[in-house]
Amino acid sequence: MQSPSNILSDIWTSADGDKAALERVRLTGEEPQIPSSFRVAVAGQTTIAAAGLAAAEIWKLRSGVAQDVSVDMRHAVAECRSERYLRLDDKPPPPAWDAIAGVYRTGDNRFVRCHTNFPHHRDAVCKVLACEPEREKVQAALMQWKGEDFETAAYAGGGVVALMRSYDEWSALPQSRALAELPLVSIEKIGDAPPKPWPKGDRPLSGLRVLDLSRVIAGPVAGRTLAAHGADVLLVSGPELPAIPWLTIDTGRGKLSTSIELKSEAGRAQLRELLKEADIFSQGYRPRALGALGFSPEDTASINPGIVYVTLSAYGHVGPWAERRGFDSLVQTTTGFNHAEGQAAGIDGPKELPAQMLDHATGYLMAFGAMMAKARQAREGGSWHVRVSLAQTGRWLWNLGRLEGGLNTPDLTGEAVHSAFMETVSSGFGTLMAVRHSAVLSATPARWSRPAMPLGSHPPQWPGRSLRGPDVAKF
């Protein structure tokens, strides 16, 4: 079984990171940290460390000064469950799931998971089942269905559901075989452009402008991570797009937030103007949805040569499921994790991972890929496309191996997290207690310089760039 240091080394060198930089990383803590038969704690620690090391290396490029990076495993696990520890005016989060979200048995004695936190997804499931949105009625309706038939029909009807599969069942599918041909993080050059000079600033990503078109957890975590290292991150939401308020608060730390109606030409023109001044375009829309609006990777590289375009998908960009919508809980269900955890726990049915680890780890990998691509752009020019997916992160996590007896680990309590890893900050919602970033950089400590704000709080424009360089070197 690979050590955390070796796992980090594999991530780092897969994106052409300098091996010598790994000598400046310190990973502390022992697994397991939370109850799981999978190496979820190591997955969180190493992906956070990869992003932290990328920031440190960018600072070295910008200033000539190297620095150390350390990540404590327990702190990393807490950050990968940050949404559950968040407190707003001392109040805990509301229930995380819609009333009919969750697991159901089907008529052929299989299990399906329905994700209905967004109203249109809930409506789609109820329309396919021809029932009202009540758990008992959904369960009764599903007894008339075979699990895979319902999964197919629900997707065709605009819903997001997943049939619980064993790992062997998943591995036999064409989509799984397609993913096996992909790297964990794909970084590809998609156009020619001169290198862009680094802007002035006293933090690794100071002066870099990031358009964040994402929702829920993975994409927003990527933007939050880039903001922690000094980037100007502008979250772009639509006035009619549904959101999960508690996640918006937790992942909104460090960001500006604006609202643009991309269905209108005026809105698309606003986004094009913002894009012309951006360095990174990070998006988690349904595959090809932005391309239909004129913001495909190739479109954006034409509008702004030298852009780093980051794409998040559920099941990867190749294979028959490339267009399929999905969330962490559904990918866990369909790729074998829930079945395997259930078996390890000795229960008849699915058991979730003790964190939305596919989401969080993928978010840190997005930030890592964005920074590594940006460093290459500054060094050799070009426009770049970074691609990650929840399913590919899941494939990587599965291949890290299993922990014998891991499910017997005591869970990490809120009291332990609050005493060790939290900070109290003001926000546009009230006073927040929130988990600090767990990657500790010795010269440029991570911090969020902007408070979390309600969606659409800021105009669709960039803040001015600083005219001041770092104290340690001139540009």
Protein backbone atom coordinates (compact mmCIF):
# COMPACT_ATOMS: atom_id res chain seq x y z
CA MET A 1 0.00 0.00 0.00
CA GLN A 2 1.46 3.35 -1.07
CA SER A 3 2.46 5.92 1.53
CA PRO A 4 0.86 9.39 1.42
CA SER A 5 4.19 10.82 0.23
CA ASN A 6 4.33 8.41 -2.70
CA ILE A 7 0.70 9.11 -3.60
CA LEU A 8 1.43 12.84 -3.63
CA SER A 9 4.54 12.22 -5.72
CA ASP A 10 2.46 10.39 -8.33
CA ILE A 11 -0.06 13.25 -8.54
CA TRP A 12 2.68 15.87 -8.70
CA THR A 13 4.85 14.24 -11.33
CA SER A 14 1.84 13.29 -13.50
CA ALA A 15 1.45 17.02 -14.18
CA ASP A 16 5.19 17.52 -14.86
CA GLY A 17 5.90 18.87 -11.38
CA ASP A 18 9.55 19.16 -10.38
CA LYS A 19 10.40 16.19 -8.14
CA ALA A 20 12.77 18.32 -6.08
CA ALA A 21 9.82 20.37 -4.85
CA LEU A 22 8.44 17.32 -3.03
CA GLU A 23 11.30 17.57 -0.54
CA ARG A 24 9.66 20.70 0.88
CA VAL A 25 6.37 18.96 1.73
CA ARG A 26 5.54 17.54 5.16
CA LEU A 27 2.54 15.27 5.57
CA THR A 28 1.56 14.48 9.16
CA GLY A 29 -1.03 12.23 10.74
CA GLU A 30 -2.00 8.58 10.51
CA GLU A 31 -4.92 6.82 8.87
CA PRO A 32 -7.69 5.98 9.39
CA GLN A 33 -9.25 9.22 10.64
CA ILE A 34 -12.93 8.57 9.94
CA PRO A 35 -14.90 5.32 9.56
CA SER A 36 -14.40 3.92 6.05
CA SER A 37 -12.84 0.93 4.40
CA PHE A 38 -11.38 3.32 1.82
CA ARG A 39 -8.41 5.65 2.19
CA VAL A 40 -10.51 8.79 2.26
CA ALA A 41 -8.25 10.65 4.72
CA VAL A 42 -5.18 10.14 2.54
CA ALA A 43 -7.18 11.16 -0.54
CA GLY A 44 -8.06 14.46 1.10
CA GLN A 45 -4.57 15.10 2.45
CA THR A 46 -2.71 14.39 -0.79
CA THR A 47 -5.00 16.35 -3.11
CA ILE A 48 -4.89 19.36 -0.76
CA ALA A 49 -1.11 19.02 -0.57
CA ALA A 50 -0.84 18.88 -4.37
CA ALA A 51 -2.74 22.17 -4.68
CA GLY A 52 -0.70 23.74 -1.88
CA LEU A 53 2.57 22.69 -3.48
CA ALA A 54 1.43 24.09 -6.84
CA ALA A 55 0.80 27.45 -5.14
CA ALA A 56 4.22 27.30 -3.48
CA GLU A 57 5.93 26.57 -6.77
CA ILE A 58 4.14 29.46 -8.46
CA TRP A 59 5.41 31.73 -5.68
CA LYS A 60 8.92 30.47 -6.35
CA LEU A 61 8.47 31.26 -10.06
CA ARG A 62 7.20 34.74 -9.24
CA SER A 63 9.56 35.70 -6.43
CA GLY A 64 12.51 33.31 -6.48
CA VAL A 65 11.70 32.24 -2.91
CA ALA A 66 11.01 28.61 -2.06
CA GLN A 67 8.81 27.68 0.89
CA ASP A 68 7.67 24.66 2.85
CA VAL A 69 4.20 23.11 2.65
CA SER A 70 2.66 21.00 5.40
CA VAL A 71 -0.74 19.29 5.58
CA ASP A 72 -2.07 17.53 8.67
CA MET A 73 -4.28 14.56 7.80
CA ARG A 74 -6.92 15.25 10.45
CA HIS A 75 -7.19 18.90 9.42
CA ALA A 76 -7.48 17.82 5.78
CA VAL A 77 -10.34 15.45 6.62
CA ALA A 78 -12.13 18.24 8.48
CA GLU A 79 -11.74 20.51 5.45
CA CYS A 80 -13.13 17.78 3.20
CA ARG A 81 -16.28 17.87 5.35
CA SER A 82 -16.23 21.64 5.84
CA GLU A 83 -19.91 22.03 4.99
CA ARG A 84 -21.00 19.98 8.00
CA TYR A 85 -18.87 21.92 10.50
CA LEU A 86 -19.85 25.40 9.31
CA ARG A 87 -21.76 27.48 11.87
CA LEU A 88 -23.71 30.63 11.04
CA ASP A 89 -24.36 32.81 14.10
CA ASP A 90 -23.65 29.66 16.17
CA LYS A 91 -26.33 27.67 14.31
CA PRO A 92 -25.57 24.29 12.63
CA PRO A 93 -26.49 23.52 9.02
CA PRO A 94 -30.08 22.70 8.10
CA PRO A 95 -30.92 19.21 6.73
CA ALA A 96 -28.73 18.60 3.72
CA TRP A 97 -31.15 16.63 1.59
CA ASP A 98 -34.52 17.08 -0.04
CA ALA A 99 -37.38 15.07 1.51
CA ILE A 100 -37.40 12.39 -1.20
CA ALA A 101 -33.64 12.26 -1.88
CA GLY A 102 -31.90 9.03 -1.04
CA VAL A 103 -31.99 5.27 -1.52
CA TYR A 104 -34.91 3.12 -2.65
CA ARG A 105 -35.43 -0.55 -3.46
CA THR A 106 -36.78 -1.42 -6.89
CA GLY A 107 -39.04 -4.23 -8.07
CA ASP A 108 -36.10 -6.43 -9.11
CA ASN A 109 -34.58 -6.13 -5.61
CA ARG A 110 -31.93 -3.62 -6.65
CA PHE A 111 -31.19 -0.25 -5.05
CA VAL A 112 -31.33 3.18 -6.69
CA ARG A 113 -30.33 6.57 -5.33
CA CYS A 114 -32.29 9.69 -6.29
CA HIS A 115 -30.71 13.14 -6.10
CA THR A 116 -33.57 15.64 -5.81
CA ASN A 117 -32.04 18.66 -4.06
CA PHE A 118 -32.81 20.84 -7.06
CA PRO A 119 -36.55 21.24 -7.79
CA HIS A 120 -36.28 20.40 -11.50
CA HIS A 121 -34.49 17.15 -10.68
CA ARG A 122 -37.16 16.24 -8.13
CA ASP A 123 -39.92 17.05 -10.63
CA ALA A 124 -38.26 14.88 -13.28
CA VAL A 125 -38.13 11.85 -10.98
CA CYS A 126 -41.77 12.28 -9.95
CA LYS A 127 -42.85 12.70 -13.56
CA VAL A 128 -41.15 9.45 -14.61
CA LEU A 129 -42.72 7.64 -11.64
CA ALA A 130 -46.10 9.40 -12.02
CA CYS A 131 -46.27 10.03 -8.29
CA GLU A 132 -46.25 12.87 -5.77
CA PRO A 133 -43.00 13.89 -4.01
CA GLU A 134 -43.49 11.79 -0.88
CA ARG A 135 -41.09 9.03 0.16
CA GLU A 136 -43.74 6.34 0.56
CA LYS A 137 -45.26 7.09 -2.83
CA VAL A 138 -41.86 7.15 -4.54
CA GLN A 139 -41.00 3.79 -2.97
CA ALA A 140 -44.32 2.26 -3.99
CA ALA A 141 -43.88 3.49 -7.56
CA LEU A 142 -40.34 2.13 -7.80
CA MET A 143 -41.54 -1.37 -6.92
CA GLN A 144 -43.06 -1.38 -10.41
CA TRP A 145 -39.64 -0.77 -12.02
CA LYS A 146 -36.43 -2.62 -12.66
CA GLY A 147 -33.52 -0.60 -11.32
CA GLU A 148 -31.59 -0.14 -14.55
CA ASP A 149 -34.74 0.66 -16.51
CA PHE A 150 -35.59 3.42 -14.02
CA GLU A 151 -32.05 4.81 -14.18
CA THR A 152 -32.27 5.00 -17.96
CA ALA A 153 -35.75 6.53 -17.98
CA ALA A 154 -34.97 9.06 -15.27
CA TYR A 155 -31.89 10.34 -17.12
CA ALA A 156 -33.85 10.57 -20.34
CA GLY A 157 -36.43 12.64 -18.46
CA GLY A 158 -33.88 15.09 -17.04
CA GLY A 159 -33.47 13.47 -13.62
CA VAL A 160 -30.29 12.44 -11.84
CA VAL A 161 -30.36 9.00 -10.27
CA ALA A 162 -28.00 6.04 -9.95
CA LEU A 163 -28.39 2.29 -9.84
CA MET A 164 -26.21 0.78 -7.12
CA ARG A 165 -23.61 -1.39 -8.81
CA SER A 166 -20.85 -3.55 -7.46
CA TYR A 167 -17.33 -2.61 -8.50
CA ASP A 168 -17.27 -5.62 -10.83
CA GLU A 169 -20.54 -4.53 -12.46
CA TRP A 170 -19.20 -1.01 -12.91
CA SER A 171 -15.88 -2.26 -14.26
CA ALA A 172 -17.68 -4.21 -16.97
CA LEU A 173 -19.38 -1.10 -18.36
CA PRO A 174 -17.95 0.71 -21.40
CA GLN A 175 -17.80 3.93 -19.37
CA SER A 176 -15.48 2.38 -16.81
CA ARG A 177 -13.22 1.06 -19.53
CA ALA A 178 -13.13 4.50 -21.16
CA LEU A 179 -12.02 6.10 -17.88
CA ALA A 180 -9.20 3.58 -17.53
CA GLU A 181 -7.50 5.26 -20.50
CA LEU A 182 -7.51 8.73 -18.88
CA PRO A 183 -5.07 10.34 -16.43
CA LEU A 184 -6.32 11.55 -13.05
CA VAL A 185 -5.93 15.16 -14.24
CA SER A 186 -5.77 15.88 -17.96
CA ILE A 187 -3.82 19.00 -19.01
CA GLU A 188 -3.76 19.67 -22.74
CA LYS A 189 -2.64 22.56 -24.90
CA ILE A 190 -5.54 23.74 -27.07
CA GLY A 191 -4.14 26.83 -28.80
CA ASP A 192 -1.20 29.10 -29.37
CA ALA A 193 -0.59 32.26 -27.36
CA PRO A 194 2.39 34.16 -26.02
CA PRO A 195 3.29 33.65 -22.35
CA LYS A 196 1.43 36.03 -20.04
CA PRO A 197 3.65 37.79 -17.50
CA TRP A 198 2.77 37.34 -13.85
CA PRO A 199 0.93 40.35 -12.41
CA LYS A 200 2.32 42.10 -9.37
CA GLY A 201 1.32 40.90 -5.93
CA ASP A 202 2.52 39.51 -2.64
CA ARG A 203 0.83 36.08 -2.72
CA PRO A 204 1.16 33.10 -5.11
CA LEU A 205 -1.95 33.93 -7.14
CA SER A 206 -2.18 37.68 -6.53
CA GLY A 207 -3.58 39.49 -9.55
CA LEU A 208 -4.79 36.31 -11.25
CA ARG A 209 -8.43 36.46 -12.27
CA VAL A 210 -10.61 33.38 -12.06
CA LEU A 211 -14.13 33.03 -13.47
CA ASP A 212 -15.91 30.40 -11.38
CA LEU A 213 -19.01 29.00 -13.11
CA SER A 214 -19.80 26.12 -10.77
CA ARG A 215 -22.23 24.99 -8.09
CA VAL A 216 -22.57 22.54 -5.19
CA ILE A 217 -19.13 21.34 -3.97
CA ALA A 218 -16.30 20.26 -6.31
CA GLY A 219 -16.08 23.31 -8.61
CA PRO A 220 -16.75 25.80 -5.81
CA VAL A 221 -14.05 24.15 -3.66
CA ALA A 222 -11.59 24.66 -6.52
CA GLY A 223 -12.44 28.38 -6.65
CA ARG A 224 -12.23 28.67 -2.86
CA THR A 225 -8.77 27.08 -2.95
CA LEU A 226 -7.50 29.46 -5.62
CA ALA A 227 -8.87 32.36 -3.57
CA ALA A 228 -7.02 31.06 -0.51
CA HIS A 229 -3.76 31.68 -2.36
CA GLY A 230 -4.67 35.20 -3.45
CA ALA A 231 -6.58 34.90 -6.74
CA ASP A 232 -9.44 37.26 -7.54
CA VAL A 233 -12.23 34.71 -7.94
CA LEU A 234 -15.51 35.92 -9.41
CA LEU A 235 -18.35 33.44 -8.94
CA VAL A 236 -20.87 33.74 -11.77
CA SER A 237 -24.36 32.41 -11.07
CA GLY A 238 -27.59 32.75 -13.01
CA PRO A 239 -30.60 34.56 -11.54
CA GLU A 240 -32.79 31.47 -11.99
CA LEU A 241 -30.25 28.73 -11.28
CA PRO A 242 -31.05 26.78 -8.10
CA ALA A 243 -28.43 26.72 -5.38
CA ILE A 244 -27.92 25.08 -1.99
CA PRO A 245 -27.55 28.05 0.40
CA TRP A 246 -25.36 26.38 3.01
CA LEU A 247 -22.86 25.24 0.40
CA THR A 248 -22.88 28.70 -1.17
CA ILE A 249 -21.84 30.15 2.20
CA ASP A 250 -19.12 27.57 2.88
CA THR A 251 -17.53 27.63 -0.57
CA GLY A 252 -18.07 31.37 -1.12
CA ARG A 253 -15.30 32.40 1.24
CA GLY A 254 -12.74 34.54 -0.58
CA LYS A 255 -14.89 35.16 -3.66
CA LEU A 256 -16.73 37.96 -5.34
CA SER A 257 -20.19 36.91 -6.52
CA THR A 258 -22.12 38.23 -9.50
CA SER A 259 -25.22 37.21 -11.43
CA ILE A 260 -25.35 36.95 -15.22
CA GLU A 261 -28.21 35.61 -17.34
CA LEU A 262 -26.38 33.53 -19.92
CA LYS A 263 -29.60 32.77 -21.79
CA SER A 264 -29.61 36.39 -23.03
CA GLU A 265 -27.21 37.89 -25.54
CA ALA A 266 -26.62 40.80 -23.17
CA GLY A 267 -25.54 38.37 -20.47
CA ARG A 268 -23.27 36.46 -22.81
CA ALA A 269 -21.70 39.76 -23.85
CA GLN A 270 -21.02 40.54 -20.17
CA LEU A 271 -19.32 37.18 -19.72
CA ARG A 272 -17.23 37.68 -22.86
CA GLU A 273 -15.96 41.00 -21.51
CA LEU A 274 -15.03 39.38 -18.20
CA LEU A 275 -13.40 36.50 -20.04
CA LYS A 276 -11.12 38.83 -22.00
CA GLU A 277 -9.42 39.82 -18.72
CA ALA A 278 -9.47 36.39 -17.04
CA ASP A 279 -6.58 34.01 -16.48
CA ILE A 280 -8.59 30.91 -15.50
CA PHE A 281 -12.11 29.87 -16.54
CA SER A 282 -13.40 27.12 -14.23
CA GLN A 283 -16.74 25.49 -14.96
CA GLY A 284 -18.86 22.55 -13.85
CA TYR A 285 -21.85 22.87 -16.18
CA ARG A 286 -23.41 19.84 -17.84
CA PRO A 287 -21.08 18.73 -20.65
CA ARG A 288 -21.36 20.94 -23.75
CA ALA A 289 -23.91 23.26 -22.14
CA LEU A 290 -21.51 26.21 -22.20
CA GLY A 291 -20.32 25.29 -25.67
CA ALA A 292 -23.87 25.82 -26.92
CA LEU A 293 -23.67 29.36 -25.52
CA GLY A 294 -20.35 30.18 -27.17
CA PHE A 295 -18.02 29.34 -24.26
CA SER A 296 -16.45 26.03 -25.23
CA PRO A 297 -12.72 25.66 -24.51
CA GLU A 298 -11.94 26.55 -28.12
CA ASP A 299 -14.30 29.55 -28.02
CA THR A 300 -12.71 30.91 -24.87
CA ALA A 301 -9.20 30.41 -26.26
CA SER A 302 -10.28 32.47 -29.28
CA ILE A 303 -11.75 35.22 -27.08
CA ASN A 304 -8.73 35.21 -24.75
CA PRO A 305 -5.63 33.46 -26.11
CA GLY A 306 -3.61 32.16 -23.17
CA ILE A 307 -6.64 31.18 -21.07
CA VAL A 308 -6.57 28.17 -18.75
CA TYR A 309 -9.97 26.46 -19.12
CA VAL A 310 -10.92 23.94 -16.42
CA THR A 311 -13.73 21.43 -17.01
CA LEU A 312 -15.41 19.35 -14.31
CA SER A 313 -17.69 16.47 -15.31
CA ALA A 314 -19.37 13.63 -13.47
CA TYR A 315 -18.26 10.66 -15.53
CA GLY A 316 -15.42 11.94 -17.72
CA HIS A 317 -15.24 13.49 -21.17
CA VAL A 318 -15.09 10.23 -23.15
CA GLY A 319 -17.33 7.18 -23.28
CA PRO A 320 -21.11 6.71 -23.56
CA TRP A 321 -21.76 8.51 -20.25
CA ALA A 322 -19.74 11.61 -21.12
CA GLU A 323 -22.94 13.69 -21.31
CA ARG A 324 -24.47 12.26 -18.14
CA ARG A 325 -25.23 14.54 -15.22
CA GLY A 326 -24.13 13.44 -11.79
CA PHE A 327 -23.20 14.30 -8.23
CA ASP A 328 -20.77 12.78 -5.73
CA SER A 329 -23.41 10.62 -4.03
CA LEU A 330 -24.56 9.20 -7.37
CA VAL A 331 -21.06 8.47 -8.62
CA GLN A 332 -20.30 6.73 -5.31
CA THR A 333 -23.41 4.62 -5.85
CA THR A 334 -22.89 3.59 -9.45
CA THR A 335 -19.10 2.95 -9.34
CA GLY A 336 -19.09 0.45 -6.48
CA PHE A 337 -18.23 2.47 -3.38
CA ASN A 338 -21.63 2.22 -1.69
CA HIS A 339 -21.89 -1.50 -2.40
CA ALA A 340 -18.37 -2.15 -1.08
CA GLU A 341 -18.89 -0.07 2.08
CA GLY A 342 -22.19 -1.84 2.67
CA GLN A 343 -20.52 -5.23 2.35
CA ALA A 344 -17.70 -4.16 4.68
CA ALA A 345 -20.30 -3.03 7.22
CA GLY A 346 -22.27 -6.27 6.83
CA ILE A 347 -25.49 -4.60 5.69
CA ASP A 348 -27.88 -5.41 2.86
CA GLY A 349 -27.76 -2.25 0.86
CA PRO A 350 -25.64 0.81 0.14
CA LYS A 351 -23.47 2.63 2.65
CA GLU A 352 -22.09 6.08 1.82
CA LEU A 353 -18.52 7.20 2.29
CA PRO A 354 -18.20 9.32 5.46
CA ALA A 355 -17.46 12.43 3.39
CA GLN A 356 -18.31 13.79 -0.05
CA MET A 357 -14.73 12.83 -0.85
CA LEU A 358 -15.13 12.55 -4.60
CA ASP A 359 -16.38 16.15 -4.62
CA HIS A 360 -13.74 17.58 -2.33
CA ALA A 361 -10.76 15.70 -3.73
CA THR A 362 -11.84 16.59 -7.27
CA GLY A 363 -12.12 20.25 -6.24
CA TYR A 364 -8.53 20.28 -5.02
CA LEU A 365 -7.41 18.46 -8.16
CA MET A 366 -9.17 21.12 -10.25
CA ALA A 367 -7.26 23.85 -8.41
CA PHE A 368 -4.02 21.87 -8.74
CA GLY A 369 -4.53 21.37 -12.48
CA ALA A 370 -5.43 25.03 -12.99
CA MET A 371 -2.25 26.19 -11.24
CA MET A 372 0.01 23.71 -13.03
CA ALA A 373 -1.45 24.75 -16.39
CA LYS A 374 -1.08 28.43 -15.51
CA ALA A 375 2.58 27.88 -14.64
CA ARG A 376 3.11 26.22 -18.01
CA GLN A 377 1.32 29.10 -19.75
CA ALA A 378 3.61 31.62 -18.07
CA ARG A 379 6.65 29.55 -19.02
CA GLU A 380 5.87 28.43 -22.57
CA GLY A 381 2.69 30.19 -23.66
CA GLY A 382 -0.38 28.57 -25.17
CA SER A 383 -4.00 28.13 -24.13
CA TRP A 384 -4.69 25.12 -21.91
CA HIS A 385 -7.57 22.79 -21.07
CA VAL A 386 -7.65 21.00 -17.70
CA ARG A 387 -10.19 18.18 -17.25
CA VAL A 388 -11.20 16.26 -14.15
CA SER A 389 -14.20 14.12 -13.26
CA LEU A 390 -15.80 12.72 -10.15
CA ALA A 391 -15.67 9.20 -11.58
CA GLN A 392 -11.98 9.45 -12.43
CA THR A 393 -11.20 10.68 -8.92
CA GLY A 394 -13.24 7.72 -7.69
CA ARG A 395 -11.19 5.34 -9.81
CA TRP A 396 -8.02 6.80 -8.28
CA LEU A 397 -9.41 6.53 -4.74
CA TRP A 398 -10.42 2.91 -5.29
CA ASN A 399 -6.94 2.07 -6.53
CA LEU A 400 -5.35 3.47 -3.36
CA GLY A 401 -6.50 0.28 -1.63
CA ARG A 402 -8.70 -0.68 1.33
CA LEU A 403 -8.27 -0.40 5.11
CA GLU A 404 -8.90 -3.56 7.08
CA GLY A 405 -11.24 -2.67 9.92
CA GLY A 406 -11.41 0.95 8.81
CA LEU A 407 -15.15 1.13 9.42
CA ASN A 408 -14.50 0.61 13.15
CA THR A 409 -12.71 3.95 13.41
CA PRO A 410 -14.43 6.47 15.72
CA ASP A 411 -15.80 9.38 13.73
CA LEU A 412 -14.29 12.84 13.93
CA THR A 413 -16.55 14.91 16.17
CA GLY A 414 -17.63 18.48 15.64
CA GLU A 415 -16.20 19.40 19.05
CA ALA A 416 -12.74 18.18 18.03
CA VAL A 417 -12.88 20.10 14.75
CA HIS A 418 -14.19 23.29 16.34
CA SER A 419 -11.43 23.35 18.95
CA ALA A 420 -8.59 22.72 16.50
CA PHE A 421 -9.33 23.79 12.93
CA MET A 422 -11.92 26.57 12.88
CA GLU A 423 -11.78 30.33 12.46
CA THR A 424 -14.43 32.95 13.17
CA VAL A 425 -15.04 35.47 10.38
CA SER A 426 -17.65 37.98 9.35
CA SER A 427 -19.70 37.48 6.20
CA GLY A 428 -22.65 38.83 4.27
CA PHE A 429 -24.77 36.23 6.06
CA GLY A 430 -23.66 36.83 9.65
CA THR A 431 -20.81 35.55 11.81
CA LEU A 432 -19.28 32.35 10.47
CA MET A 433 -17.28 29.66 12.19
CA ALA A 434 -15.61 27.78 9.36
CA VAL A 435 -12.76 25.35 8.77
CA ARG A 436 -9.42 26.99 7.97
CA HIS A 437 -7.47 25.85 4.91
CA SER A 438 -5.32 22.87 5.86
CA ALA A 439 -2.37 23.46 3.51
CA VAL A 440 0.11 25.53 5.55
CA LEU A 441 2.61 27.48 3.44
CA SER A 442 5.58 28.85 5.36
CA ALA A 443 6.09 32.12 3.43
CA THR A 444 2.62 32.90 2.04
CA PRO A 445 0.00 31.58 4.48
CA ALA A 446 -3.33 30.68 2.91
CA ARG A 447 -6.18 33.00 3.84
CA TRP A 448 -9.43 34.31 2.44
CA SER A 449 -9.29 38.08 2.10
CA ARG A 450 -12.94 38.48 1.08
CA PRO A 451 -16.01 37.43 3.09
CA ALA A 452 -18.62 35.01 1.81
CA MET A 453 -21.50 37.01 0.34
CA PRO A 454 -24.98 36.25 -0.99
CA LEU A 455 -25.15 35.27 -4.65
CA GLY A 456 -25.12 38.26 -6.99
CA SER A 457 -23.75 40.71 -4.42
CA HIS A 458 -21.18 42.27 -6.76
CA PRO A 459 -21.26 43.89 -10.21
CA PRO A 460 -19.94 41.86 -13.16
CA GLN A 461 -16.52 43.48 -13.19
CA TRP A 462 -12.99 42.74 -12.05
CA PRO A 463 -11.30 44.52 -9.16
CA GLY A 464 -8.21 46.54 -10.01
CA ARG A 465 -4.86 44.80 -9.97
CA SER A 466 -2.33 45.79 -7.33
CA LEU A 467 0.59 47.93 -8.43
CA ARG A 468 2.70 46.61 -5.55
CA GLY A 469 5.04 43.67 -5.98
CA PRO A 470 6.22 41.27 -3.28
CA ASP A 471 8.70 42.52 -0.72
CA VAL A 472 11.23 39.86 -1.67
CA ALA A 473 11.81 40.55 -5.35
CA LYS A 474 11.00 42.77 -8.27
CA PHE A 475 9.20 41.55 -11.36
